[in-house]
Every structure is written in C-alpha cells, then in structure tokens.
Amino acid sequence: MSHDKRCSKSQAELFFRLFEAHHGGHLFVATKKWDERCAYALMQKEMIIRLYNHVYADPAYWNDLGVEDRIFQLASAIAVVEPDAVFCGATAALLYGVGSAYSLLDKVQVLLPRSTRRDMYEFVEYRRWRAGNVWQLGPFTLTDPYRTVVDIARTSAFRYALGYVDGLAREYGVEREELRAYAQANCRGLHGIARAFNVFEHMDG
C-alpha cells in the first residue's frame, strides 16, 4: 500500500521550515516534541529522510551536498542533539582542518563508550576508542589533534594516513618526534599502533 502523500497544515509548515534550514546551509533539527512528530510523519510519507535522532533533510538536498558539506552539516546537527558527543577520526580531522580524504568521509565518526548502545544510522559510524583528552572547537567536542591523527594512522591505509600526519605538522607545527612521543605515552598497545609509527617515519609538513 502506498503512503498517503497528503500533509496536515502543521506538517506542511514544518516542511517549509526544513527548506529554510537548508537555505541557510543546515539540516533540520526537530528539537520540540511536536516538530519530531510532524517530521516523523513526513518521513513515513517518504518526503524527507532521517539522518540521525531528531535530524532530517530533504533527500534531494542531502544527495546534492558535497562530501565535506555532508560531514560538517551532520556533525553540526549531532552536536545540537547531543552536546556531549565526541567526534573522532576523519570527522575530527576535517573539523580541525588537517585533512579530508574523501574515502574516509563517508560517515560521521563518533566515539561510543563501551557500555552503551546506539541506534544505527547510514551516515554515522560509532568507534569504540578511548577518548583521551578532548578539545572544544566551537560547538564540537573532539579527540585532541594528536589523538585524532594517531587513530587515523593506525586504522587507515598508508596513502590516506600520511596526508593527515603531514596536515598535523603543517597546520599545528607538530614535529615527528613530538607525535612519536605522544603515541608512545598515550597509545601503546592499541590495535595498529605499529602501522602508525611507520607512517610517522615519513612525516613531512
């Protein structure tokens, strides 16, 4: 049975508010209970898509966004919905401005404490990494720049990891031995750390 595409007045009003958000370069965040009910109804009619808890978009708008804009806008919306969310990996690196390998930016990467479970979303990837120190950058809480790059270097192919390591050196003035010392003090025993140290040997900002 096909969905009834007719909208109530409140649903139609929310639909226009969603487009206003898009016009301003944002996804729509349904922060009020009634907004969430209307947005969910529009999603059931297949008129909008749900990208995260309380976060919605027009499908055409979302599909037309570039890779970096997708990550930035979805991370911005998640930061509104969950102010304590900690972004990590390639997402944090993009927000820091130290790299943006498109093949690593298919999803927003968020830390997930070991004791918790979350609903799964197509464009969100949860990583069960130790957070270590976190930084605040505008509305975003991020793994610190060193930890961000070390995590990428130990979990990604060399050709991608090197770009991020070089970006950290270039944008933050981090020297090779500084990064090695950080990894030795904070990341010993982590899966893939030997791979990361190999990447550090080729670091050149």
N, C-alpha and C. Protein backbone atom coordinates (compact mmCIF):
# COMPACT_ATOMS: atom_id res chain seq x y z
N MET A 1 0.85 -1.19 0.00
CA MET A 1 0.00 0.00 0.00
C MET A 1 0.89 1.24 0.00
N SER A 2 0.61 2.18 -0.87
CA SER A 2 1.43 3.39 -0.97
C SER A 2 1.10 4.33 0.18
N HIS A 3 2.07 5.18 0.52
CA HIS A 3 1.88 6.13 1.60
C HIS A 3 0.94 7.26 1.13
N ASP A 4 0.10 7.75 2.01
CA ASP A 4 -0.73 8.91 1.73
C ASP A 4 0.16 10.14 1.75
N LYS A 5 0.28 10.82 0.60
CA LYS A 5 1.19 11.95 0.48
C LYS A 5 0.58 13.26 0.99
N ARG A 6 -0.70 13.26 1.36
CA ARG A 6 -1.31 14.49 1.84
C ARG A 6 -0.74 14.87 3.19
N CYS A 7 -0.55 16.18 3.37
CA CYS A 7 0.06 16.67 4.61
C CYS A 7 -0.94 17.52 5.38
N SER A 8 -0.87 17.44 6.68
CA SER A 8 -1.65 18.34 7.52
C SER A 8 -1.01 19.72 7.46
N LYS A 9 -1.72 20.72 7.98
CA LYS A 9 -1.18 22.08 7.97
C LYS A 9 0.14 22.15 8.73
N SER A 10 0.21 21.50 9.89
CA SER A 10 1.43 21.54 10.70
C SER A 10 2.58 20.84 9.99
N GLN A 11 2.29 19.76 9.28
CA GLN A 11 3.33 19.06 8.53
C GLN A 11 3.84 19.92 7.38
N ALA A 12 2.91 20.59 6.71
CA ALA A 12 3.31 21.47 5.61
C ALA A 12 4.17 22.62 6.11
N GLU A 13 3.81 23.18 7.27
CA GLU A 13 4.60 24.27 7.85
C GLU A 13 6.00 23.79 8.21
N LEU A 14 6.10 22.60 8.76
CA LEU A 14 7.41 22.06 9.10
C LEU A 14 8.23 21.80 7.84
N PHE A 15 7.57 21.35 6.79
CA PHE A 15 8.25 21.09 5.52
C PHE A 15 8.92 22.37 5.01
N PHE A 16 8.23 23.50 5.13
CA PHE A 16 8.81 24.76 4.69
C PHE A 16 9.92 25.22 5.62
N ARG A 17 9.80 24.94 6.91
CA ARG A 17 10.87 25.27 7.86
C ARG A 17 12.12 24.45 7.55
N LEU A 18 11.93 23.21 7.12
CA LEU A 18 13.05 22.37 6.73
C LEU A 18 13.80 23.00 5.56
N PHE A 19 13.06 23.51 4.59
CA PHE A 19 13.70 24.14 3.44
C PHE A 19 14.38 25.45 3.83
N GLU A 20 13.83 26.16 4.81
CA GLU A 20 14.51 27.36 5.30
C GLU A 20 15.85 27.00 5.92
N ALA A 21 15.88 25.89 6.68
CA ALA A 21 17.15 25.44 7.26
C ALA A 21 18.15 25.10 6.16
N HIS A 22 17.68 24.41 5.12
CA HIS A 22 18.57 24.06 4.01
C HIS A 22 19.09 25.30 3.30
N HIS A 23 18.22 26.30 3.16
CA HIS A 23 18.63 27.55 2.51
C HIS A 23 19.76 28.21 3.29
N GLY A 24 19.77 28.02 4.61
CA GLY A 24 20.83 28.57 5.44
C GLY A 24 22.03 27.65 5.58
N GLY A 25 22.02 26.51 4.88
CA GLY A 25 23.15 25.60 4.92
C GLY A 25 23.14 24.66 6.10
N HIS A 26 21.93 24.29 6.58
CA HIS A 26 21.82 23.42 7.75
C HIS A 26 20.85 22.29 7.48
N LEU A 27 21.01 21.22 8.23
CA LEU A 27 20.00 20.18 8.29
C LEU A 27 18.93 20.63 9.28
N PHE A 28 17.76 20.00 9.22
CA PHE A 28 16.68 20.38 10.13
C PHE A 28 16.76 19.53 11.40
N VAL A 29 16.78 20.20 12.54
CA VAL A 29 16.81 19.52 13.84
C VAL A 29 15.48 19.74 14.53
N ALA A 30 14.77 18.64 14.75
CA ALA A 30 13.45 18.70 15.40
C ALA A 30 13.65 18.66 16.91
N THR A 31 13.80 19.83 17.52
CA THR A 31 14.12 19.89 18.95
C THR A 31 12.88 19.83 19.83
N LYS A 32 11.72 20.10 19.27
CA LYS A 32 10.48 20.08 20.04
C LYS A 32 9.69 18.80 19.74
N LYS A 33 8.93 18.34 20.71
CA LYS A 33 8.20 17.09 20.57
C LYS A 33 7.25 17.12 19.38
N TRP A 34 6.55 18.23 19.20
CA TRP A 34 5.59 18.32 18.10
C TRP A 34 6.31 18.34 16.75
N ASP A 35 7.45 19.03 16.69
CA ASP A 35 8.24 19.03 15.46
C ASP A 35 8.68 17.61 15.10
N GLU A 36 9.09 16.85 16.11
CA GLU A 36 9.53 15.49 15.87
C GLU A 36 8.38 14.64 15.33
N ARG A 37 7.19 14.81 15.87
CA ARG A 37 6.04 14.05 15.39
C ARG A 37 5.73 14.39 13.94
N CYS A 38 5.76 15.66 13.60
CA CYS A 38 5.49 16.07 12.22
C CYS A 38 6.59 15.57 11.27
N ALA A 39 7.84 15.70 11.71
CA ALA A 39 8.94 15.25 10.86
C ALA A 39 8.87 13.74 10.64
N TYR A 40 8.55 13.01 11.68
CA TYR A 40 8.46 11.56 11.54
C TYR A 40 7.33 11.18 10.58
N ALA A 41 6.23 11.92 10.65
CA ALA A 41 5.12 11.66 9.73
C ALA A 41 5.54 11.93 8.29
N LEU A 42 6.29 12.99 8.06
CA LEU A 42 6.78 13.29 6.71
C LEU A 42 7.76 12.23 6.24
N MET A 43 8.54 11.71 7.14
CA MET A 43 9.45 10.63 6.79
C MET A 43 8.67 9.38 6.37
N GLN A 44 7.59 9.09 7.09
CA GLN A 44 6.75 7.94 6.75
C GLN A 44 6.12 8.11 5.37
N LYS A 45 5.89 9.34 4.96
CA LYS A 45 5.35 9.62 3.63
C LYS A 45 6.46 9.63 2.57
N GLU A 46 7.70 9.38 3.01
CA GLU A 46 8.88 9.36 2.14
C GLU A 46 9.16 10.72 1.50
N MET A 47 8.80 11.79 2.22
CA MET A 47 9.04 13.14 1.73
C MET A 47 10.36 13.70 2.25
N ILE A 48 10.81 13.23 3.42
CA ILE A 48 12.10 13.63 3.97
C ILE A 48 12.79 12.38 4.51
N ILE A 49 14.08 12.50 4.79
CA ILE A 49 14.84 11.37 5.33
C ILE A 49 15.35 11.71 6.72
N ARG A 50 15.51 10.68 7.53
CA ARG A 50 16.02 10.84 8.89
C ARG A 50 17.49 10.41 8.90
N LEU A 51 18.37 11.34 9.25
CA LEU A 51 19.80 11.08 9.21
C LEU A 51 20.36 10.72 10.58
N TYR A 52 19.68 11.16 11.62
CA TYR A 52 20.09 10.89 12.99
C TYR A 52 18.88 11.17 13.86
N ASN A 53 18.99 10.85 15.14
CA ASN A 53 17.90 11.12 16.05
C ASN A 53 17.55 12.61 16.04
N HIS A 54 16.34 12.94 15.61
CA HIS A 54 15.82 14.31 15.51
C HIS A 54 16.42 15.11 14.35
N VAL A 55 17.19 14.50 13.47
CA VAL A 55 17.85 15.22 12.37
C VAL A 55 17.26 14.75 11.03
N TYR A 56 16.77 15.70 10.23
CA TYR A 56 16.08 15.37 8.98
C TYR A 56 16.59 16.24 7.84
N ALA A 57 16.34 15.76 6.61
CA ALA A 57 16.73 16.52 5.42
C ALA A 57 15.83 16.14 4.26
N ASP A 58 15.73 17.05 3.31
CA ASP A 58 15.11 16.72 2.03
C ASP A 58 16.07 15.83 1.27
N PRO A 59 15.62 14.71 0.71
CA PRO A 59 16.54 13.78 0.03
C PRO A 59 17.36 14.44 -1.07
N ALA A 60 16.73 15.31 -1.86
CA ALA A 60 17.46 15.95 -2.96
C ALA A 60 18.56 16.86 -2.42
N TYR A 61 18.25 17.59 -1.36
CA TYR A 61 19.25 18.47 -0.75
C TYR A 61 20.43 17.66 -0.25
N TRP A 62 20.16 16.59 0.46
CA TRP A 62 21.22 15.75 1.02
C TRP A 62 22.07 15.13 -0.08
N ASN A 63 21.43 14.62 -1.11
CA ASN A 63 22.16 13.96 -2.19
C ASN A 63 23.02 14.93 -2.99
N ASP A 64 22.65 16.21 -3.01
CA ASP A 64 23.40 17.21 -3.76
C ASP A 64 24.59 17.79 -2.97
N LEU A 65 24.64 17.52 -1.68
CA LEU A 65 25.74 18.06 -0.88
C LEU A 65 27.05 17.38 -1.24
N GLY A 66 28.14 18.14 -1.20
CA GLY A 66 29.46 17.55 -1.36
C GLY A 66 29.83 16.75 -0.13
N VAL A 67 30.89 15.96 -0.25
CA VAL A 67 31.30 15.07 0.83
C VAL A 67 31.59 15.85 2.12
N GLU A 68 32.39 16.90 2.03
CA GLU A 68 32.75 17.65 3.23
C GLU A 68 31.55 18.36 3.83
N ASP A 69 30.68 18.91 2.98
CA ASP A 69 29.47 19.58 3.49
C ASP A 69 28.56 18.60 4.21
N ARG A 70 28.45 17.38 3.70
CA ARG A 70 27.64 16.37 4.38
C ARG A 70 28.15 16.14 5.80
N ILE A 71 29.46 15.91 5.91
CA ILE A 71 30.04 15.62 7.21
C ILE A 71 29.87 16.81 8.15
N PHE A 72 30.16 18.00 7.66
CA PHE A 72 30.08 19.19 8.51
C PHE A 72 28.65 19.44 8.98
N GLN A 73 27.69 19.36 8.06
CA GLN A 73 26.31 19.66 8.45
C GLN A 73 25.73 18.60 9.37
N LEU A 74 26.04 17.32 9.13
CA LEU A 74 25.52 16.28 10.00
C LEU A 74 26.19 16.35 11.38
N ALA A 75 27.49 16.58 11.42
CA ALA A 75 28.18 16.72 12.70
C ALA A 75 27.63 17.92 13.47
N SER A 76 27.35 19.01 12.77
CA SER A 76 26.78 20.20 13.43
C SER A 76 25.43 19.89 14.04
N ALA A 77 24.61 19.12 13.33
CA ALA A 77 23.29 18.76 13.84
C ALA A 77 23.40 17.82 15.04
N ILE A 78 24.31 16.86 14.96
CA ILE A 78 24.51 15.92 16.08
C ILE A 78 24.98 16.68 17.31
N ALA A 79 25.82 17.68 17.13
CA ALA A 79 26.30 18.47 18.26
C ALA A 79 25.17 19.22 18.95
N VAL A 80 24.13 19.56 18.20
CA VAL A 80 22.95 20.20 18.80
C VAL A 80 22.14 19.18 19.58
N VAL A 81 21.92 18.03 18.97
CA VAL A 81 21.10 16.98 19.59
C VAL A 81 21.81 16.39 20.81
N GLU A 82 23.12 16.17 20.69
CA GLU A 82 23.92 15.56 21.76
C GLU A 82 25.16 16.41 22.01
N PRO A 83 25.06 17.43 22.85
CA PRO A 83 26.21 18.32 23.09
C PRO A 83 27.43 17.60 23.63
N ASP A 84 27.24 16.43 24.25
CA ASP A 84 28.38 15.70 24.82
C ASP A 84 29.01 14.72 23.83
N ALA A 85 28.49 14.64 22.62
CA ALA A 85 29.06 13.72 21.62
C ALA A 85 30.51 14.12 21.33
N VAL A 86 31.38 13.11 21.21
CA VAL A 86 32.80 13.36 20.91
C VAL A 86 33.09 12.85 19.51
N PHE A 87 33.48 13.75 18.63
CA PHE A 87 33.80 13.38 17.25
C PHE A 87 35.26 12.97 17.16
N CYS A 88 35.54 12.02 16.29
CA CYS A 88 36.88 11.44 16.23
C CYS A 88 37.25 11.14 14.77
N GLY A 89 38.43 10.55 14.58
CA GLY A 89 38.84 10.07 13.28
C GLY A 89 38.82 11.13 12.20
N ALA A 90 38.41 10.72 11.01
CA ALA A 90 38.43 11.62 9.86
C ALA A 90 37.48 12.80 10.03
N THR A 91 36.39 12.61 10.80
CA THR A 91 35.47 13.72 11.06
C THR A 91 36.16 14.81 11.87
N ALA A 92 36.83 14.42 12.96
CA ALA A 92 37.55 15.40 13.77
C ALA A 92 38.65 16.08 12.96
N ALA A 93 39.35 15.30 12.14
CA ALA A 93 40.43 15.87 11.32
C ALA A 93 39.89 16.92 10.36
N LEU A 94 38.74 16.65 9.77
CA LEU A 94 38.12 17.64 8.87
C LEU A 94 37.80 18.92 9.63
N LEU A 95 37.24 18.78 10.82
CA LEU A 95 36.87 19.95 11.60
C LEU A 95 38.10 20.72 12.07
N TYR A 96 39.20 20.03 12.32
CA TYR A 96 40.46 20.69 12.68
C TYR A 96 41.15 21.32 11.47
N GLY A 97 40.80 20.86 10.27
CA GLY A 97 41.43 21.37 9.07
C GLY A 97 42.76 20.73 8.75
N VAL A 98 42.96 19.46 9.18
CA VAL A 98 44.24 18.79 8.93
C VAL A 98 44.16 17.73 7.83
N GLY A 99 43.01 17.57 7.21
CA GLY A 99 42.92 16.59 6.13
C GLY A 99 41.49 16.24 5.80
N SER A 100 41.29 15.74 4.57
CA SER A 100 39.94 15.35 4.14
C SER A 100 40.02 14.36 2.99
N ALA A 101 40.46 13.13 3.30
CA ALA A 101 40.46 12.08 2.29
C ALA A 101 39.02 11.61 2.10
N TYR A 102 38.48 11.80 0.90
CA TYR A 102 37.06 11.54 0.68
C TYR A 102 36.66 10.11 0.99
N SER A 103 37.56 9.17 0.77
CA SER A 103 37.21 7.77 1.02
C SER A 103 37.01 7.50 2.51
N LEU A 104 37.51 8.38 3.38
CA LEU A 104 37.34 8.22 4.82
C LEU A 104 36.20 9.07 5.36
N LEU A 105 35.52 9.80 4.49
CA LEU A 105 34.49 10.74 4.92
C LEU A 105 33.09 10.29 4.50
N ASP A 106 32.87 8.98 4.42
CA ASP A 106 31.55 8.53 4.03
C ASP A 106 30.55 8.58 5.19
N LYS A 107 31.08 8.67 6.45
CA LYS A 107 30.22 8.72 7.62
C LYS A 107 30.82 9.66 8.66
N VAL A 108 29.96 10.21 9.50
CA VAL A 108 30.42 10.98 10.65
C VAL A 108 30.88 9.98 11.71
N GLN A 109 32.09 10.16 12.20
CA GLN A 109 32.65 9.24 13.20
C GLN A 109 32.49 9.84 14.60
N VAL A 110 31.86 9.06 15.48
CA VAL A 110 31.56 9.49 16.83
C VAL A 110 32.04 8.42 17.80
N LEU A 111 32.64 8.84 18.92
CA LEU A 111 33.05 7.88 19.93
C LEU A 111 31.84 7.28 20.63
N LEU A 112 31.91 6.01 20.91
CA LEU A 112 30.84 5.31 21.63
C LEU A 112 31.44 4.62 22.84
N PRO A 113 31.10 5.08 24.05
CA PRO A 113 31.60 4.39 25.26
C PRO A 113 31.23 2.92 25.22
N ARG A 114 32.11 2.10 25.74
CA ARG A 114 31.95 0.64 25.66
C ARG A 114 30.66 0.14 26.28
N SER A 115 30.14 0.84 27.27
CA SER A 115 28.98 0.34 27.99
C SER A 115 27.65 0.75 27.37
N THR A 116 27.68 1.47 26.26
CA THR A 116 26.44 1.98 25.69
C THR A 116 26.15 1.36 24.33
N ARG A 117 24.88 1.46 23.96
CA ARG A 117 24.43 1.02 22.64
C ARG A 117 23.67 2.17 21.99
N ARG A 118 23.71 2.24 20.68
CA ARG A 118 23.04 3.31 19.96
C ARG A 118 22.28 2.74 18.77
N ASP A 119 21.24 3.47 18.36
CA ASP A 119 20.59 3.14 17.10
C ASP A 119 21.58 3.35 15.96
N MET A 120 21.45 2.56 14.93
CA MET A 120 22.38 2.65 13.81
C MET A 120 21.81 3.55 12.72
N TYR A 121 22.66 4.38 12.15
CA TYR A 121 22.26 5.27 11.06
C TYR A 121 23.24 5.11 9.90
N GLU A 122 22.73 5.29 8.70
CA GLU A 122 23.53 5.02 7.50
C GLU A 122 24.77 5.88 7.42
N PHE A 123 24.68 7.12 7.89
CA PHE A 123 25.79 8.06 7.71
C PHE A 123 26.52 8.39 9.02
N VAL A 124 26.39 7.51 10.00
CA VAL A 124 27.08 7.69 11.28
C VAL A 124 27.81 6.39 11.62
N GLU A 125 29.07 6.52 12.02
CA GLU A 125 29.88 5.37 12.40
C GLU A 125 30.36 5.56 13.84
N TYR A 126 30.04 4.62 14.70
CA TYR A 126 30.48 4.68 16.08
C TYR A 126 31.80 3.94 16.24
N ARG A 127 32.75 4.56 16.92
CA ARG A 127 34.04 3.93 17.17
C ARG A 127 34.23 3.74 18.67
N ARG A 128 34.59 2.54 19.07
CA ARG A 128 34.80 2.24 20.48
C ARG A 128 36.28 2.45 20.84
N TRP A 129 36.71 3.69 20.72
CA TRP A 129 38.07 4.07 21.05
C TRP A 129 38.09 4.80 22.39
N ARG A 130 39.25 4.77 23.07
CA ARG A 130 39.40 5.58 24.28
C ARG A 130 39.55 7.04 23.86
N ALA A 131 38.81 7.89 24.52
CA ALA A 131 38.79 9.28 24.09
C ALA A 131 40.08 10.02 24.40
N GLY A 132 40.68 9.75 25.56
CA GLY A 132 41.82 10.56 25.97
C GLY A 132 41.35 11.99 26.23
N ASN A 133 42.25 12.95 26.05
CA ASN A 133 41.86 14.35 26.22
C ASN A 133 40.98 14.79 25.06
N VAL A 134 40.06 15.69 25.33
CA VAL A 134 39.19 16.21 24.27
C VAL A 134 39.36 17.72 24.19
N TRP A 135 39.12 18.23 23.00
CA TRP A 135 39.18 19.66 22.75
C TRP A 135 37.79 20.17 22.39
N GLN A 136 37.53 21.44 22.69
CA GLN A 136 36.30 22.08 22.28
C GLN A 136 36.61 23.03 21.14
N LEU A 137 35.94 22.86 20.02
CA LEU A 137 36.14 23.71 18.85
C LEU A 137 34.76 24.20 18.40
N GLY A 138 34.42 25.42 18.80
CA GLY A 138 33.07 25.90 18.53
C GLY A 138 32.06 24.99 19.22
N PRO A 139 31.06 24.49 18.48
CA PRO A 139 30.07 23.61 19.09
C PRO A 139 30.52 22.16 19.21
N PHE A 140 31.70 21.85 18.70
CA PHE A 140 32.15 20.46 18.61
C PHE A 140 33.08 20.07 19.76
N THR A 141 32.89 18.86 20.28
CA THR A 141 33.84 18.24 21.19
C THR A 141 34.58 17.18 20.40
N LEU A 142 35.93 17.26 20.38
CA LEU A 142 36.73 16.41 19.50
C LEU A 142 37.84 15.72 20.28
N THR A 143 38.25 14.53 19.83
CA THR A 143 39.50 13.99 20.31
C THR A 143 40.61 14.99 19.96
N ASP A 144 41.62 15.12 20.83
CA ASP A 144 42.63 16.14 20.59
C ASP A 144 43.35 15.87 19.26
N PRO A 145 43.98 16.90 18.66
CA PRO A 145 44.57 16.73 17.32
C PRO A 145 45.56 15.58 17.22
N TYR A 146 46.41 15.41 18.24
CA TYR A 146 47.37 14.31 18.21
C TYR A 146 46.65 12.97 18.15
N ARG A 147 45.69 12.79 19.07
CA ARG A 147 44.99 11.50 19.14
C ARG A 147 44.19 11.26 17.86
N THR A 148 43.61 12.31 17.33
CA THR A 148 42.85 12.19 16.09
C THR A 148 43.71 11.61 14.98
N VAL A 149 44.90 12.16 14.81
CA VAL A 149 45.78 11.73 13.72
C VAL A 149 46.36 10.34 14.00
N VAL A 150 46.71 10.07 15.25
CA VAL A 150 47.22 8.73 15.58
C VAL A 150 46.15 7.68 15.27
N ASP A 151 44.90 7.94 15.62
CA ASP A 151 43.83 6.97 15.35
C ASP A 151 43.66 6.73 13.85
N ILE A 152 43.77 7.79 13.06
CA ILE A 152 43.67 7.63 11.61
C ILE A 152 44.87 6.83 11.10
N ALA A 153 46.07 7.15 11.60
CA ALA A 153 47.29 6.49 11.12
C ALA A 153 47.30 5.00 11.45
N ARG A 154 46.69 4.61 12.55
CA ARG A 154 46.73 3.19 12.94
C ARG A 154 45.57 2.39 12.35
N THR A 155 44.59 3.04 11.76
CA THR A 155 43.43 2.31 11.24
C THR A 155 43.20 2.49 9.74
N SER A 156 44.00 3.31 9.08
CA SER A 156 43.77 3.63 7.67
C SER A 156 44.95 3.23 6.81
N ALA A 157 44.71 3.10 5.53
CA ALA A 157 45.78 2.78 4.58
C ALA A 157 46.83 3.89 4.60
N PHE A 158 48.08 3.51 4.34
CA PHE A 158 49.21 4.44 4.40
C PHE A 158 48.96 5.67 3.54
N ARG A 159 48.43 5.46 2.32
CA ARG A 159 48.28 6.58 1.39
C ARG A 159 47.33 7.65 1.91
N TYR A 160 46.38 7.27 2.77
CA TYR A 160 45.49 8.24 3.38
C TYR A 160 46.09 8.80 4.67
N ALA A 161 46.65 7.91 5.48
CA ALA A 161 47.17 8.31 6.79
C ALA A 161 48.26 9.36 6.67
N LEU A 162 49.13 9.22 5.68
CA LEU A 162 50.25 10.15 5.54
C LEU A 162 49.77 11.57 5.33
N GLY A 163 48.71 11.75 4.57
CA GLY A 163 48.18 13.09 4.34
C GLY A 163 47.74 13.77 5.62
N TYR A 164 47.13 13.00 6.52
CA TYR A 164 46.68 13.56 7.79
C TYR A 164 47.85 13.87 8.71
N VAL A 165 48.84 12.99 8.74
CA VAL A 165 50.03 13.24 9.55
C VAL A 165 50.75 14.50 9.07
N ASP A 166 50.90 14.63 7.76
CA ASP A 166 51.52 15.83 7.20
C ASP A 166 50.68 17.06 7.50
N GLY A 167 49.35 16.91 7.47
CA GLY A 167 48.47 18.04 7.77
C GLY A 167 48.63 18.52 9.20
N LEU A 168 48.81 17.58 10.14
CA LEU A 168 49.04 17.96 11.54
C LEU A 168 50.34 18.75 11.67
N ALA A 169 51.36 18.31 10.97
CA ALA A 169 52.64 19.02 11.00
C ALA A 169 52.51 20.41 10.40
N ARG A 170 51.78 20.50 9.30
CA ARG A 170 51.66 21.76 8.58
C ARG A 170 50.78 22.76 9.33
N GLU A 171 49.64 22.32 9.82
CA GLU A 171 48.66 23.25 10.41
C GLU A 171 48.91 23.53 11.89
N TYR A 172 49.54 22.59 12.61
CA TYR A 172 49.75 22.75 14.04
C TYR A 172 51.22 22.78 14.44
N GLY A 173 52.11 22.70 13.47
CA GLY A 173 53.53 22.79 13.76
C GLY A 173 54.08 21.63 14.59
N VAL A 174 53.44 20.46 14.47
CA VAL A 174 53.86 19.30 15.25
C VAL A 174 55.04 18.61 14.56
N GLU A 175 56.08 18.35 15.31
CA GLU A 175 57.25 17.66 14.78
C GLU A 175 57.07 16.14 14.91
N ARG A 176 57.82 15.41 14.08
CA ARG A 176 57.75 13.96 14.08
C ARG A 176 57.97 13.36 15.47
N GLU A 177 59.02 13.83 16.15
CA GLU A 177 59.34 13.26 17.46
C GLU A 177 58.28 13.59 18.51
N GLU A 178 57.62 14.75 18.35
CA GLU A 178 56.51 15.08 19.25
C GLU A 178 55.38 14.08 19.11
N LEU A 179 55.04 13.75 17.87
CA LEU A 179 53.94 12.82 17.63
C LEU A 179 54.31 11.42 18.09
N ARG A 180 55.56 11.03 17.85
CA ARG A 180 56.01 9.72 18.32
C ARG A 180 55.95 9.64 19.85
N ALA A 181 56.39 10.69 20.52
CA ALA A 181 56.38 10.70 21.98
C ALA A 181 54.94 10.63 22.51
N TYR A 182 54.05 11.35 21.85
CA TYR A 182 52.64 11.31 22.27
C TYR A 182 52.09 9.89 22.14
N ALA A 183 52.35 9.27 20.99
CA ALA A 183 51.83 7.92 20.75
C ALA A 183 52.41 6.91 21.74
N GLN A 184 53.70 7.06 22.04
CA GLN A 184 54.33 6.15 23.00
C GLN A 184 53.74 6.29 24.39
N ALA A 185 53.40 7.53 24.76
CA ALA A 185 52.88 7.79 26.11
C ALA A 185 51.39 7.47 26.24
N ASN A 186 50.63 7.60 25.15
CA ASN A 186 49.18 7.53 25.27
C ASN A 186 48.51 6.41 24.48
N CYS A 187 49.23 5.78 23.56
CA CYS A 187 48.56 4.86 22.65
C CYS A 187 49.23 3.48 22.58
N ARG A 188 50.10 3.18 23.50
CA ARG A 188 50.78 1.89 23.49
C ARG A 188 49.75 0.76 23.63
N GLY A 189 49.95 -0.29 22.82
CA GLY A 189 49.07 -1.45 22.90
C GLY A 189 47.80 -1.37 22.08
N LEU A 190 47.53 -0.20 21.48
CA LEU A 190 46.33 -0.08 20.66
C LEU A 190 46.51 -0.82 19.34
N HIS A 191 45.44 -1.37 18.84
CA HIS A 191 45.49 -2.10 17.57
C HIS A 191 46.00 -1.19 16.45
N GLY A 192 46.99 -1.65 15.71
CA GLY A 192 47.51 -0.91 14.57
C GLY A 192 48.53 0.15 14.90
N ILE A 193 48.97 0.24 16.16
CA ILE A 193 49.89 1.32 16.52
C ILE A 193 51.23 1.18 15.83
N ALA A 194 51.68 -0.04 15.55
CA ALA A 194 52.94 -0.22 14.82
C ALA A 194 52.83 0.38 13.42
N ARG A 195 51.67 0.23 12.80
CA ARG A 195 51.44 0.84 11.48
C ARG A 195 51.54 2.36 11.58
N ALA A 196 51.02 2.92 12.66
CA ALA A 196 51.07 4.37 12.83
C ALA A 196 52.51 4.85 12.93
N PHE A 197 53.34 4.14 13.70
CA PHE A 197 54.74 4.56 13.83
C PHE A 197 55.45 4.52 12.48
N ASN A 198 55.10 3.59 11.63
CA ASN A 198 55.68 3.55 10.28
C ASN A 198 55.29 4.79 9.48
N VAL A 199 54.04 5.22 9.63
CA VAL A 199 53.60 6.45 8.94
C VAL A 199 54.39 7.65 9.45
N PHE A 200 54.61 7.71 10.77
CA PHE A 200 55.33 8.86 11.33
C PHE A 200 56.72 9.01 10.70
N GLU A 201 57.36 7.91 10.32
CA GLU A 201 58.70 7.99 9.74
C GLU A 201 58.74 8.79 8.44
N HIS A 202 57.60 8.91 7.79
CA HIS A 202 57.53 9.62 6.50
C HIS A 202 56.89 11.01 6.66
N MET A 203 56.69 11.42 7.89
CA MET A 203 56.02 12.70 8.17
C MET A 203 56.82 13.88 7.64
N ASP A 204 56.18 14.77 6.89
CA ASP A 204 56.85 15.92 6.31
C ASP A 204 55.80 17.01 6.07
N GLY A 205 55.76 17.96 7.00
CA GLY A 205 54.76 19.01 6.86
C GLY A 205 55.01 19.93 5.69
